[in-house]
N, C-alpha and C. Protein backbone atom coordinates (compact mmCIF):
# COMPACT_ATOMS: atom_id res chain seq x y z
N UNK A 1 1.09 -1.26 -0.12
CA UNK A 1 0.04 0.04 0.29
C UNK A 1 0.80 1.24 0.17
N UNK A 2 1.98 1.58 1.40
CA UNK A 2 3.22 2.75 0.59
C UNK A 2 2.97 2.95 -0.46
N UNK A 3 3.82 1.58 -1.70
CA UNK A 3 4.61 1.44 -2.84
C UNK A 3 3.49 2.30 -3.54
N UNK A 4 2.15 2.01 -3.31
CA UNK A 4 1.30 2.45 -4.08
C UNK A 4 1.53 4.09 -4.32
N UNK A 5 1.27 4.10 -3.23
CA UNK A 5 0.78 5.96 -2.42
C UNK A 5 2.21 6.63 -2.69
N UNK A 6 3.79 5.53 -2.67
CA UNK A 6 4.62 7.29 -2.79
C UNK A 6 4.30 6.99 -5.48
N UNK A 7 4.01 5.98 -5.41
CA UNK A 7 3.99 5.62 -7.20
C UNK A 7 3.15 7.00 -7.31
N UNK A 8 2.09 7.18 -6.61
CA UNK A 8 0.83 7.73 -6.76
C UNK A 8 1.31 8.91 -6.65
N UNK A 9 1.64 9.32 -5.84
CA UNK A 9 2.27 10.86 -5.37
C UNK A 9 2.99 11.62 -5.80
N UNK A 10 4.35 9.99 -6.15
CA UNK A 10 5.08 10.48 -7.68
C UNK A 10 4.68 11.16 -8.88
N UNK A 11 3.57 10.46 -9.11
CA UNK A 11 2.89 11.24 -10.54
C UNK A 11 1.95 12.51 -10.45
N UNK A 12 1.89 12.83 -9.47
CA UNK A 12 1.18 13.91 -9.22
C UNK A 12 1.76 14.78 -8.90
N UNK A 13 3.14 14.11 -8.43
CA UNK A 13 3.83 15.61 -9.17
C UNK A 13 5.11 15.76 -10.13
N UNK A 14 4.99 14.30 -10.90
CA UNK A 14 5.32 14.51 -12.39
C UNK A 14 4.56 15.93 -13.26
N UNK A 15 2.62 14.75 -13.52
CA UNK A 15 2.30 15.93 -13.46
C UNK A 15 2.34 17.36 -13.60
N UNK A 16 2.34 17.60 -12.09
CA UNK A 16 2.27 19.58 -11.92
C UNK A 16 3.93 20.10 -12.34
N UNK A 17 4.30 19.54 -12.53
CA UNK A 17 5.95 19.91 -12.87
C UNK A 17 6.51 19.80 -14.63
N UNK A 18 6.05 18.77 -15.08
CA UNK A 18 6.75 18.28 -15.89
C UNK A 18 5.10 18.62 -17.22
N UNK A 19 4.24 17.91 -16.86
CA UNK A 19 2.88 17.66 -18.22
C UNK A 19 2.22 18.98 -18.17
N UNK A 20 1.89 19.43 -16.60
CA UNK A 20 0.43 20.49 -16.58
C UNK A 20 1.33 22.14 -17.46
N UNK A 21 2.07 22.39 -17.38
CA UNK A 21 2.78 23.60 -18.56
C UNK A 21 2.22 23.52 -19.41
N UNK A 22 2.74 22.07 -20.42
CA UNK A 22 2.80 22.06 -22.01
C UNK A 22 1.15 22.21 -22.64
N UNK A 23 0.21 21.69 -21.17
CA UNK A 23 -1.60 22.08 -21.44
C UNK A 23 -1.60 22.75 -22.36
N UNK A 24 -1.29 24.51 -22.19
CA UNK A 24 -1.93 25.59 -22.64
C UNK A 24 -1.46 25.73 -24.31
N UNK A 25 -0.50 25.20 -24.33
CA UNK A 25 0.01 25.57 -26.04
C UNK A 25 0.35 24.04 -26.89
N UNK A 26 -0.26 23.23 -26.20
CA UNK A 26 -0.35 22.38 -26.74
C UNK A 26 -1.47 21.53 -28.10
N UNK A 27 -1.17 21.36 -28.97
CA UNK A 27 -2.27 21.85 -30.44
C UNK A 27 -3.73 20.30 -30.02
N UNK A 28 -2.98 19.56 -29.37
CA UNK A 28 -4.16 18.82 -28.78
C UNK A 28 -4.49 18.23 -27.40
N UNK A 29 -5.19 17.75 -27.18
CA UNK A 29 -5.52 16.93 -25.33
C UNK A 29 -6.20 16.54 -25.72
N UNK A 30 -6.16 15.67 -24.79
CA UNK A 30 -6.40 14.41 -24.07
C UNK A 30 -7.05 14.54 -23.40
N UNK A 31 -8.47 14.39 -22.77
CA UNK A 31 -8.96 14.26 -22.18
C UNK A 31 -9.62 13.17 -20.61
N UNK A 32 -9.14 12.68 -19.99
CA UNK A 32 -9.52 11.77 -19.30
C UNK A 32 -10.41 12.21 -18.22
N UNK A 33 -12.03 11.71 -18.31
CA UNK A 33 -13.25 11.68 -17.52
C UNK A 33 -13.47 10.57 -17.23
N UNK A 34 -14.92 11.49 -16.91
CA UNK A 34 -16.11 9.62 -16.31
C UNK A 34 -17.44 10.52 -17.44
N UNK A 35 -18.19 9.86 -17.24
CA UNK A 35 -20.05 10.57 -18.17
C UNK A 35 -20.82 9.28 -17.67
N UNK A 36 -21.73 9.93 -17.17
CA UNK A 36 -22.88 8.60 -16.17
C UNK A 36 -23.49 8.23 -17.17
N UNK A 37 -23.53 8.29 -18.21
CA UNK A 37 -24.64 7.14 -19.36
C UNK A 37 -22.99 6.77 -20.13
N UNK A 38 -21.93 6.54 -19.31
CA UNK A 38 -20.32 5.39 -20.74
C UNK A 38 -20.49 5.17 -19.32
N UNK A 39 -19.70 3.73 -19.88
CA UNK A 39 -18.59 3.06 -19.46
C UNK A 39 -17.38 4.27 -18.44
N UNK A 40 -16.57 4.01 -17.74
CA UNK A 40 -15.32 5.02 -16.63
C UNK A 40 -13.74 3.86 -17.07
N UNK A 41 -13.37 4.52 -17.69
CA UNK A 41 -13.29 6.12 -18.15
C UNK A 41 -12.79 6.42 -19.48
N UNK A 42 -13.68 7.76 -19.52
CA UNK A 42 -14.40 7.71 -21.14
C UNK A 42 -12.72 9.11 -21.23
N UNK A 43 -12.44 8.71 -22.67
CA UNK A 43 -11.41 9.66 -23.39
C UNK A 43 -12.11 10.05 -24.16
N UNK A 44 -11.81 11.39 -24.15
CA UNK A 44 -11.67 12.24 -25.05
C UNK A 44 -11.22 12.89 -26.17
N UNK A 45 -11.01 13.23 -27.44
CA UNK A 45 -9.79 13.80 -28.20
C UNK A 45 -10.29 15.25 -28.61
N UNK A 46 -9.38 16.18 -28.20
CA UNK A 46 -10.36 17.55 -28.64
C UNK A 46 -8.33 18.58 -29.70
N UNK A 47 -9.00 19.24 -30.14
CA UNK A 47 -8.03 19.76 -31.07
C UNK A 47 -8.37 21.47 -30.73
N UNK A 48 -6.99 22.08 -30.38
CA UNK A 48 -7.40 23.95 -30.63
C UNK A 48 -7.89 24.41 -31.17
N UNK A 49 -7.86 25.26 -31.20
CA UNK A 49 -8.77 25.80 -32.60
C UNK A 49 -7.89 27.42 -32.66
N UNK A 50 -7.18 27.63 -32.75
CA UNK A 50 -6.19 29.54 -32.88
C UNK A 50 -7.07 29.94 -33.32
N UNK A 51 -6.93 31.75 -33.14
CA UNK A 51 -7.33 32.80 -33.24
C UNK A 51 -8.19 32.69 -34.61
N UNK A 52 -7.32 32.89 -35.26
CA UNK A 52 -7.18 33.09 -37.21
C UNK A 52 -7.60 31.81 -37.84
N UNK A 53 -7.81 30.92 -36.98
CA UNK A 53 -8.54 29.46 -37.62
C UNK A 53 -9.96 29.96 -37.59
N UNK A 54 -10.68 30.35 -36.47
CA UNK A 54 -11.41 30.23 -35.94
C UNK A 54 -12.92 31.26 -36.76
N UNK A 55 -13.93 30.70 -37.29
CA UNK A 55 -14.90 31.61 -37.86
C UNK A 55 -15.91 31.96 -37.31
N UNK A 56 -15.82 32.37 -36.02
CA UNK A 56 -16.90 32.87 -35.15
C UNK A 56 -16.29 33.28 -34.01
N UNK A 57 -15.46 34.69 -35.18
CA UNK A 57 -14.66 35.45 -34.26
C UNK A 57 -15.99 37.00 -34.95
N UNK A 58 -16.21 36.92 -34.98
CA UNK A 58 -16.78 38.25 -36.33
C UNK A 58 -17.13 39.60 -35.25
N UNK A 59 -17.28 39.21 -34.28
CA UNK A 59 -18.05 39.68 -32.92
C UNK A 59 -16.77 40.31 -32.39
N UNK A 60 -16.06 39.46 -32.43
CA UNK A 60 -14.84 39.72 -30.86
C UNK A 60 -13.91 40.60 -30.58
N UNK A 61 -13.60 40.78 -29.41
CA UNK A 61 -12.32 42.26 -29.80
C UNK A 61 -11.15 41.55 -29.68
N UNK A 62 -11.30 40.40 -28.81
CA UNK A 62 -9.52 39.97 -28.43
C UNK A 62 -9.66 38.10 -28.39
N UNK A 63 -10.12 37.38 -29.41
CA UNK A 63 -10.47 36.07 -29.86
C UNK A 63 -9.25 35.35 -29.06
N UNK A 64 -10.20 34.41 -28.26
CA UNK A 64 -8.66 33.26 -27.65
C UNK A 64 -9.01 32.14 -28.44
N UNK A 65 -8.20 31.32 -27.85
CA UNK A 65 -8.16 29.54 -28.60
C UNK A 65 -8.60 28.90 -27.90
N UNK A 66 -9.71 28.18 -28.35
CA UNK A 66 -10.92 27.06 -28.30
C UNK A 66 -10.24 26.02 -28.55
N UNK A 67 -11.07 24.69 -27.26
CA UNK A 67 -10.50 23.67 -27.78
C UNK A 67 -11.84 22.84 -28.81
N UNK A 68 -11.94 22.29 -29.56
CA UNK A 68 -13.19 21.87 -29.80
C UNK A 68 -12.76 20.05 -29.93
N UNK A 69 -14.18 19.25 -29.71
CA UNK A 69 -13.77 17.96 -29.38
C UNK A 69 -14.11 17.60 -30.99
N UNK A 70 -12.99 16.25 -30.94
CA UNK A 70 -12.55 15.60 -32.00
C UNK A 70 -13.26 13.92 -31.89
N UNK A 71 -13.38 13.79 -31.30
CA UNK A 71 -13.96 12.49 -31.13
C UNK A 71 -13.78 11.62 -29.59
N UNK A 72 -14.33 10.81 -29.34
CA UNK A 72 -14.13 9.84 -28.04
C UNK A 72 -13.86 8.37 -28.07
N UNK A 73 -13.68 7.65 -26.98
CA UNK A 73 -13.65 6.48 -27.18
C UNK A 73 -13.80 6.14 -25.50
N UNK A 74 -14.64 4.41 -25.60
CA UNK A 74 -14.83 4.10 -24.33
C UNK A 74 -15.47 3.04 -24.42
N UNK A 75 -15.23 1.86 -22.98
CA UNK A 75 -15.86 0.37 -23.00
C UNK A 75 -14.85 -0.48 -23.82
N UNK A 76 -15.13 -1.45 -24.51
CA UNK A 76 -14.42 -2.65 -24.63
C UNK A 76 -13.48 -1.89 -25.97
N UNK A 77 -13.87 -1.89 -26.57
CA UNK A 77 -13.58 -0.12 -28.11
C UNK A 77 -11.98 0.18 -27.09
N UNK A 78 -12.25 0.93 -26.69
CA UNK A 78 -11.19 1.66 -25.50
C UNK A 78 -10.32 1.09 -24.90
N UNK A 79 -10.45 -0.72 -24.57
CA UNK A 79 -9.37 -1.35 -23.84
C UNK A 79 -8.40 -2.14 -25.21
N UNK A 80 -9.39 -2.60 -26.10
CA UNK A 80 -9.06 -3.01 -27.67
C UNK A 80 -7.88 -2.15 -27.67
N UNK A 81 -8.18 -0.54 -28.00
CA UNK A 81 -7.37 0.41 -28.28
C UNK A 81 -5.72 1.10 -27.72
N UNK A 82 -6.06 0.16 -26.03
CA UNK A 82 -5.10 0.68 -25.15
C UNK A 82 -3.42 0.80 -25.60
N UNK A 83 -3.60 -0.43 -26.12
CA UNK A 83 -1.68 -0.71 -26.31
C UNK A 83 -1.39 0.21 -27.13
N UNK A 84 -2.36 0.98 -28.64
CA UNK A 84 -1.74 2.31 -29.34
C UNK A 84 -2.15 3.59 -28.58
N UNK A 85 -2.72 3.63 -27.61
CA UNK A 85 -2.50 4.81 -27.61
C UNK A 85 -1.74 4.47 -26.52
N UNK A 86 -1.18 3.94 -25.44
CA UNK A 86 0.11 3.82 -24.74
C UNK A 86 0.78 5.18 -25.42
N UNK A 87 1.31 3.64 -27.07
CA UNK A 87 2.53 3.55 -26.67
C UNK A 87 2.38 5.42 -27.33
N UNK A 88 0.80 5.62 -28.57
CA UNK A 88 0.87 7.22 -28.92
C UNK A 88 1.39 7.94 -28.25
N UNK A 89 0.61 8.35 -26.66
CA UNK A 89 1.46 8.84 -25.71
C UNK A 89 2.35 8.71 -25.30
N UNK A 90 3.47 7.76 -25.00
CA UNK A 90 4.79 7.58 -24.76
C UNK A 90 5.89 8.39 -25.94
N UNK A 91 5.71 8.99 -27.22
CA UNK A 91 6.15 9.00 -27.58
C UNK A 91 6.19 10.81 -27.58
N UNK A 92 5.14 11.22 -27.10
CA UNK A 92 4.80 12.92 -27.23
C UNK A 92 6.00 13.01 -25.69
N UNK A 93 6.76 14.36 -26.86
CA UNK A 93 7.88 15.44 -25.43
C UNK A 93 7.41 16.49 -25.75
N UNK A 94 8.10 17.11 -24.69
CA UNK A 94 7.87 18.79 -24.46
C UNK A 94 8.71 19.81 -25.97
N UNK A 95 8.72 20.73 -25.06
CA UNK A 95 9.56 21.55 -25.88
C UNK A 95 11.03 21.84 -26.57
N UNK A 96 11.46 20.95 -25.07
CA UNK A 96 12.93 20.37 -25.94
C UNK A 96 13.11 18.97 -26.08
N UNK A 97 12.56 18.05 -26.76
CA UNK A 97 12.14 16.91 -27.01
C UNK A 97 13.01 15.94 -25.87
N UNK A 98 12.75 16.25 -24.68
CA UNK A 98 11.94 14.96 -23.46
C UNK A 98 11.17 14.63 -23.54
N UNK A 99 10.81 13.41 -23.49
CA UNK A 99 9.68 12.87 -23.49
C UNK A 99 8.84 13.09 -22.68
N UNK A 100 8.02 13.13 -22.60
CA UNK A 100 6.97 13.52 -20.77
C UNK A 100 5.96 12.12 -19.89
N UNK A 101 6.34 10.81 -20.72
CA UNK A 101 5.81 9.72 -20.21
C UNK A 101 4.43 10.05 -20.19
N UNK A 102 3.82 9.88 -21.24
CA UNK A 102 1.97 10.59 -20.36
C UNK A 102 1.81 8.97 -19.91
N UNK A 103 1.69 7.85 -20.88
CA UNK A 103 1.63 7.40 -20.99
C UNK A 103 1.30 5.73 -19.53
N UNK A 104 2.04 6.93 -18.45
CA UNK A 104 1.90 6.00 -17.37
C UNK A 104 1.46 7.04 -16.55
N UNK A 105 0.51 7.57 -17.09
CA UNK A 105 -0.82 8.01 -16.12
C UNK A 105 -2.11 7.12 -17.25
N UNK A 106 -1.75 5.65 -17.77
CA UNK A 106 -2.62 4.87 -18.34
C UNK A 106 -1.79 3.88 -17.98
N UNK A 107 -0.79 3.16 -17.36
CA UNK A 107 -0.73 2.18 -16.93
C UNK A 107 -1.29 1.32 -16.11
N UNK A 108 -2.52 1.73 -14.99
CA UNK A 108 -2.43 0.81 -14.46
C UNK A 108 -4.25 -0.15 -14.67
N UNK A 109 -4.04 -1.15 -13.78
CA UNK A 109 -5.11 -1.61 -14.98
C UNK A 109 -6.48 -0.73 -14.58
N UNK A 110 -6.61 -0.40 -13.58
CA UNK A 110 -7.47 0.19 -12.90
C UNK A 110 -7.68 1.98 -13.17
N UNK A 111 -7.99 2.27 -14.67
CA UNK A 111 -7.26 3.76 -15.27
C UNK A 111 -7.51 5.02 -13.54
N UNK A 112 -6.96 5.38 -13.05
CA UNK A 112 -7.64 5.70 -11.58
C UNK A 112 -7.08 7.96 -12.12
N UNK A 113 -6.21 8.21 -13.13
CA UNK A 113 -5.64 9.53 -13.23
C UNK A 113 -7.35 10.52 -14.32
N UNK A 114 -7.45 11.40 -13.73
CA UNK A 114 -8.83 12.79 -14.37
C UNK A 114 -7.86 13.67 -15.08
N UNK A 115 -7.72 13.85 -16.13
CA UNK A 115 -7.74 15.34 -16.39
C UNK A 115 -7.08 15.37 -17.45
N UNK A 116 -5.81 16.54 -17.76
CA UNK A 116 -6.11 16.70 -19.43
C UNK A 116 -4.80 16.34 -19.40
N UNK A 117 -4.38 15.37 -20.79
CA UNK A 117 -3.10 15.62 -21.57
C UNK A 117 -2.99 16.19 -22.65
N UNK A 118 -1.28 16.67 -22.64
CA UNK A 118 -0.57 17.76 -23.83
C UNK A 118 -0.48 16.72 -25.11
N UNK A 119 -1.04 16.53 -25.77
CA UNK A 119 -0.39 16.31 -26.89
C UNK A 119 0.49 16.85 -27.93
N UNK A 120 1.15 16.00 -29.08
CA UNK A 120 1.73 16.66 -30.34
C UNK A 120 0.93 16.66 -31.59
N UNK A 121 0.67 17.39 -32.18
CA UNK A 121 0.28 16.93 -33.90
C UNK A 121 0.48 15.56 -34.18
N UNK A 122 1.72 14.98 -34.38
CA UNK A 122 0.95 13.29 -34.37
C UNK A 122 0.75 12.67 -33.86
N UNK A 123 0.20 12.57 -32.45
CA UNK A 123 -0.43 11.64 -31.44
C UNK A 123 -1.51 12.48 -31.71
N UNK A 124 -1.71 13.28 -31.76
CA UNK A 124 -3.38 14.42 -32.07
C UNK A 124 -4.13 13.94 -32.53
N UNK A 125 -3.17 13.57 -33.86
CA UNK A 125 -3.93 13.99 -35.48
C UNK A 125 -5.20 11.51 -35.21
N UNK A 126 -3.15 10.66 -34.75
CA UNK A 126 -3.50 9.72 -34.53
C UNK A 126 -4.70 9.72 -34.13
N UNK A 127 -4.73 9.75 -33.02
CA UNK A 127 -5.73 9.27 -32.05
C UNK A 127 -7.46 9.40 -31.92
N UNK A 128 -7.58 11.17 -32.89
CA UNK A 128 -8.52 11.59 -33.53
C UNK A 128 -9.10 10.59 -34.39
N UNK A 129 -8.30 9.78 -35.34
CA UNK A 129 -8.61 8.98 -36.83
C UNK A 129 -9.07 8.29 -35.65
N UNK A 130 -8.31 7.46 -35.13
CA UNK A 130 -8.36 6.26 -34.28
C UNK A 130 -10.01 6.24 -33.68
N UNK A 131 -10.09 7.73 -32.67
CA UNK A 131 -11.98 7.58 -32.12
C UNK A 131 -12.87 7.29 -33.17
N UNK A 132 -12.19 8.45 -34.65
CA UNK A 132 -13.43 8.58 -34.94
C UNK A 132 -13.75 7.40 -36.16
N UNK A 133 -12.73 7.00 -36.41
CA UNK A 133 -12.75 5.36 -37.38
C UNK A 133 -13.46 4.10 -37.05
N UNK A 134 -13.51 4.07 -35.63
CA UNK A 134 -13.58 2.89 -34.44
C UNK A 134 -15.43 2.63 -34.63
N UNK A 135 -15.95 4.54 -34.92
CA UNK A 135 -17.43 4.85 -34.15
C UNK A 135 -18.28 3.73 -35.21
N UNK A 136 -19.34 3.07 -34.58
CA UNK A 136 -19.85 2.45 -34.88
C UNK A 136 -19.78 0.56 -36.03
N UNK A 137 -18.00 0.34 -35.77
CA UNK A 137 -17.62 -0.49 -35.84
C UNK A 137 -17.93 -1.62 -34.90
N UNK A 138 -19.05 -2.86 -34.96
CA UNK A 138 -18.46 -4.02 -33.67
C UNK A 138 -18.22 -4.93 -33.32
N UNK A 139 -16.99 -4.91 -35.02
CA UNK A 139 -16.21 -5.94 -34.90
C UNK A 139 -14.71 -5.84 -33.85
N UNK A 140 -14.24 -6.20 -32.90
CA UNK A 140 -13.33 -5.23 -31.96
C UNK A 140 -12.19 -6.00 -33.04
N UNK A 141 -11.95 -7.03 -33.22
CA UNK A 141 -10.79 -7.37 -33.53
C UNK A 141 -10.76 -5.95 -34.69
N UNK A 142 -11.95 -5.16 -35.67
CA UNK A 142 -11.18 -4.70 -36.90
C UNK A 142 -11.17 -3.51 -35.93
N UNK A 143 -11.78 -2.80 -34.73
CA UNK A 143 -11.03 -1.92 -34.13
C UNK A 143 -10.09 -2.19 -33.77
N UNK A 144 -9.50 -2.90 -33.33
CA UNK A 144 -7.87 -2.89 -33.09
C UNK A 144 -7.56 -2.88 -33.29
N UNK A 145 -7.28 -3.88 -35.14
CA UNK A 145 -6.58 -3.37 -36.09
C UNK A 145 -6.17 -2.07 -36.59
N UNK A 146 -7.70 -1.14 -37.15
CA UNK A 146 -7.46 0.07 -37.65
C UNK A 146 -6.12 0.66 -36.14
N UNK A 147 -6.69 1.12 -35.07
CA UNK A 147 -6.08 1.60 -34.26
C UNK A 147 -4.71 1.49 -34.84
N UNK A 148 -3.87 0.17 -35.23
CA UNK A 148 -2.20 -0.55 -35.01
C UNK A 148 -1.71 -0.17 -36.09
N UNK A 149 -2.69 -0.07 -36.60
CA UNK A 149 -2.09 0.14 -38.57
C UNK A 149 -1.93 1.59 -38.77
N UNK A 150 -3.09 2.17 -38.14
CA UNK A 150 -2.63 4.27 -37.84
C UNK A 150 -0.89 4.20 -37.19
N UNK A 151 -1.71 3.79 -36.74
CA UNK A 151 0.30 3.60 -35.35
C UNK A 151 1.45 4.33 -36.21
N UNK A 152 1.18 3.08 -37.23
CA UNK A 152 2.11 2.88 -38.40
C UNK A 152 2.37 4.17 -39.15
N UNK A 153 1.39 4.93 -39.11
CA UNK A 153 1.86 5.82 -40.45
C UNK A 153 2.56 7.17 -39.57
N UNK A 154 3.44 7.81 -40.79
CA UNK A 154 4.12 9.06 -40.54
C UNK A 154 3.45 9.74 -39.87
N UNK A 155 4.15 11.21 -39.46
CA UNK A 155 2.92 12.81 -39.30
C UNK A 155 2.83 12.80 -39.96
N UNK A 156 2.81 12.85 -41.06
CA UNK A 156 2.90 13.69 -42.32
C UNK A 156 1.92 12.66 -43.01
N UNK A 157 1.89 11.11 -42.66
CA UNK A 157 0.10 11.01 -43.60
C UNK A 157 -0.87 10.51 -42.37
N UNK A 158 -0.47 10.47 -40.68
CA UNK A 158 -1.71 10.65 -40.18
C UNK A 158 -2.87 12.09 -40.11
N UNK A 159 -1.45 13.46 -40.03
CA UNK A 159 -2.28 14.80 -40.97
C UNK A 159 -3.10 15.13 -42.00
N UNK A 160 -2.07 14.27 -42.67
CA UNK A 160 -3.26 14.43 -44.09
C UNK A 160 -4.64 12.95 -44.38
N UNK A 161 -5.02 11.96 -43.72
CA UNK A 161 -6.21 11.46 -43.60
C UNK A 161 -6.36 12.31 -42.75
N UNK A 162 -6.11 12.54 -41.59
CA UNK A 162 -6.89 13.45 -40.57
C UNK A 162 -7.83 14.56 -41.07
N UNK A 163 -7.14 15.24 -42.35
CA UNK A 163 -7.17 16.29 -42.73
C UNK A 163 -8.26 15.89 -43.89
N UNK A 164 -8.44 14.51 -44.57
CA UNK A 164 -9.57 13.96 -45.10
C UNK A 164 -10.97 13.66 -44.41
N UNK A 165 -10.80 13.56 -43.21
CA UNK A 165 -12.77 13.28 -42.85
C UNK A 165 -12.60 14.15 -42.22
N UNK A 166 -11.82 15.75 -42.04
CA UNK A 166 -12.82 16.10 -41.54
C UNK A 166 -12.38 17.99 -41.89
N UNK A 167 -12.18 18.04 -43.43
CA UNK A 167 -11.77 19.31 -43.73
C UNK A 167 -12.64 20.07 -45.37
N UNK A 168 -13.59 18.70 -45.62
CA UNK A 168 -14.22 18.33 -46.66
C UNK A 168 -15.63 18.49 -47.13
N UNK A 169 -16.49 18.50 -46.06
CA UNK A 169 -17.43 18.65 -46.11
C UNK A 169 -17.85 17.41 -45.39
N UNK A 170 -19.14 17.39 -44.65
CA UNK A 170 -19.93 16.63 -44.81
C UNK A 170 -19.22 15.32 -44.76
N UNK A 171 -20.85 15.15 -46.18
CA UNK A 171 -20.26 14.23 -47.40
C UNK A 171 -18.93 13.74 -47.66
N UNK A 172 -17.98 14.62 -48.37
CA UNK A 172 -17.16 13.93 -48.26
C UNK A 172 -15.58 13.16 -47.82
N UNK A 173 -16.29 14.09 -46.21
CA UNK A 173 -15.49 13.41 -45.04
C UNK A 173 -16.53 11.86 -44.59
N UNK A 174 -17.29 12.36 -44.73
CA UNK A 174 -18.19 10.27 -44.58
C UNK A 174 -17.76 9.80 -45.65
N UNK A 175 -17.62 9.86 -47.02
CA UNK A 175 -17.27 9.20 -48.16
C UNK A 175 -15.63 8.31 -46.86
N UNK A 176 -14.55 9.74 -46.81
CA UNK A 176 -13.52 9.22 -46.55
C UNK A 176 -13.67 8.44 -45.95
N UNK A 177 -14.08 8.57 -44.61
CA UNK A 177 -14.29 7.80 -43.26
C UNK A 177 -14.67 6.30 -43.96
N UNK A 178 -15.42 6.28 -45.18
CA UNK A 178 -16.29 4.57 -44.47
C UNK A 178 -14.83 3.68 -45.81
N UNK A 179 -14.20 5.16 -46.46
CA UNK A 179 -12.49 4.04 -47.32
C UNK A 179 -11.95 3.93 -46.78
N UNK A 180 -11.47 5.08 -45.19
CA UNK A 180 -10.87 4.81 -44.96
C UNK A 180 -10.55 3.34 -43.97
N UNK A 181 -12.04 2.66 -43.00
CA UNK A 181 -12.25 1.75 -41.97
C UNK A 181 -11.60 0.64 -43.37
N UNK A 182 -12.08 0.54 -44.78
CA UNK A 182 -11.83 -0.71 -45.54
C UNK A 182 -10.35 -1.14 -46.35
N UNK A 183 -9.93 0.31 -46.23
CA UNK A 183 -8.65 0.41 -46.57
C UNK A 183 -7.34 -0.20 -45.51
N UNK A 184 -8.47 0.15 -43.80
CA UNK A 184 -7.15 -0.56 -42.85
C UNK A 184 -7.50 -1.57 -42.38
N UNK A 185 -8.63 -1.73 -42.57
CA UNK A 185 -9.31 -3.09 -41.84
C UNK A 185 -10.51 -4.36 -42.50
N UNK A 186 -9.88 -3.82 -43.97
CA UNK A 186 -11.13 -4.85 -45.10
C UNK A 186 -12.60 -4.96 -44.11
N UNK A 187 -13.90 -6.08 -44.80
CA UNK A 187 -14.56 -5.76 -44.22
C UNK A 187 -15.09 -6.67 -43.33
N UNK A 188 -16.12 -6.95 -42.79
CA UNK A 188 -16.92 -7.56 -41.88
C UNK A 188 -16.52 -8.57 -42.02
N UNK A 189 -16.12 -9.62 -40.67
CA UNK A 189 -16.00 -11.21 -40.81
C UNK A 189 -14.55 -11.52 -42.40
N UNK A 190 -13.43 -10.96 -42.56
CA UNK A 190 -12.98 -10.47 -43.89
C UNK A 190 -11.53 -12.07 -42.81
N UNK A 191 -11.11 -12.86 -44.00
CA UNK A 191 -10.50 -13.82 -43.17
C UNK A 191 -9.43 -13.58 -42.47
N UNK A 192 -9.13 -12.49 -43.58
CA UNK A 192 -7.10 -12.65 -43.23
C UNK A 192 -7.18 -11.11 -42.30
N UNK A 193 -8.00 -10.78 -41.50
CA UNK A 193 -8.40 -10.00 -40.33
C UNK A 193 -7.27 -9.86 -39.68
N UNK A 194 -7.43 -11.38 -39.00
CA UNK A 194 -7.53 -12.27 -38.01
C UNK A 194 -5.22 -12.98 -37.72
N UNK A 195 -5.48 -12.87 -39.20
CA UNK A 195 -4.39 -13.50 -39.14
C UNK A 195 -2.94 -11.63 -39.28
N UNK A 196 -3.70 -11.06 -39.64
CA UNK A 196 -2.76 -9.05 -40.17
C UNK A 196 -2.60 -8.75 -38.60
N UNK A 197 -3.61 -9.15 -37.65
CA UNK A 197 -3.49 -7.93 -36.29
C UNK A 197 -2.68 -9.00 -35.83
N UNK A 198 -3.09 -10.42 -35.44
CA UNK A 198 -1.70 -11.60 -34.55
C UNK A 198 -0.40 -11.30 -35.12
N UNK A 199 0.39 -10.27 -36.19
CA UNK A 199 1.78 -9.92 -36.88
C UNK A 199 1.56 -8.54 -36.08
N UNK A 200 0.63 -7.88 -36.83
CA UNK A 200 0.95 -6.83 -35.21
C UNK A 200 1.28 -6.21 -34.00
N UNK A 201 0.39 -7.70 -33.95
CA UNK A 201 0.58 -7.35 -32.17
C UNK A 201 2.14 -7.82 -31.31
N UNK A 202 2.31 -8.29 -32.15
CA UNK A 202 3.78 -8.55 -31.65
C UNK A 202 5.13 -7.22 -30.69
N UNK A 203 4.50 -6.48 -32.05
CA UNK A 203 5.03 -5.13 -32.06
C UNK A 203 5.10 -4.46 -30.21
N UNK A 204 3.94 -4.78 -29.43
CA UNK A 204 3.97 -4.78 -28.50
C UNK A 204 1.87 -4.76 -27.93
């Protein structure tokens, strides 16, 4: 019990000292929270929209940046994607290029952390893609396969594909998401899904 208490205290100190100062300027935020209508914890991905990117500032004297929700994940889909989410968090660094070790906040079997974690552009785009593409997919193997294949994208690839599902209008965005689901995880009950997934699982 003492060891667990010390680890929790150390993690809290790490958050205040190294993680929290990065939040205000991070281009993406992962919020770990709760909602009474969904299993806990709930992960919400938010993108920072800068004042010059906003379209609602006409009557504002000094517009500020805002955080806009881009997707969420919970329950069994979240559990399947958790190794990939942790891996993405482990690669996020501060402005000096030093890893923030954000994966520590999601490392226990029962995730107790609640709050915001700062993400860079690569992690933000990848998680936003995962959270959006897993929507309405019932087959958990396909959800996990999407996450693991997305994690292999470069930063540029993640940014490009995120733009394809978010900036071309409702219909075009929907078509792009439908196409990406097939591109990354085939069709339901495809016999190749399991073997491809097994190969990717060997990474982590």
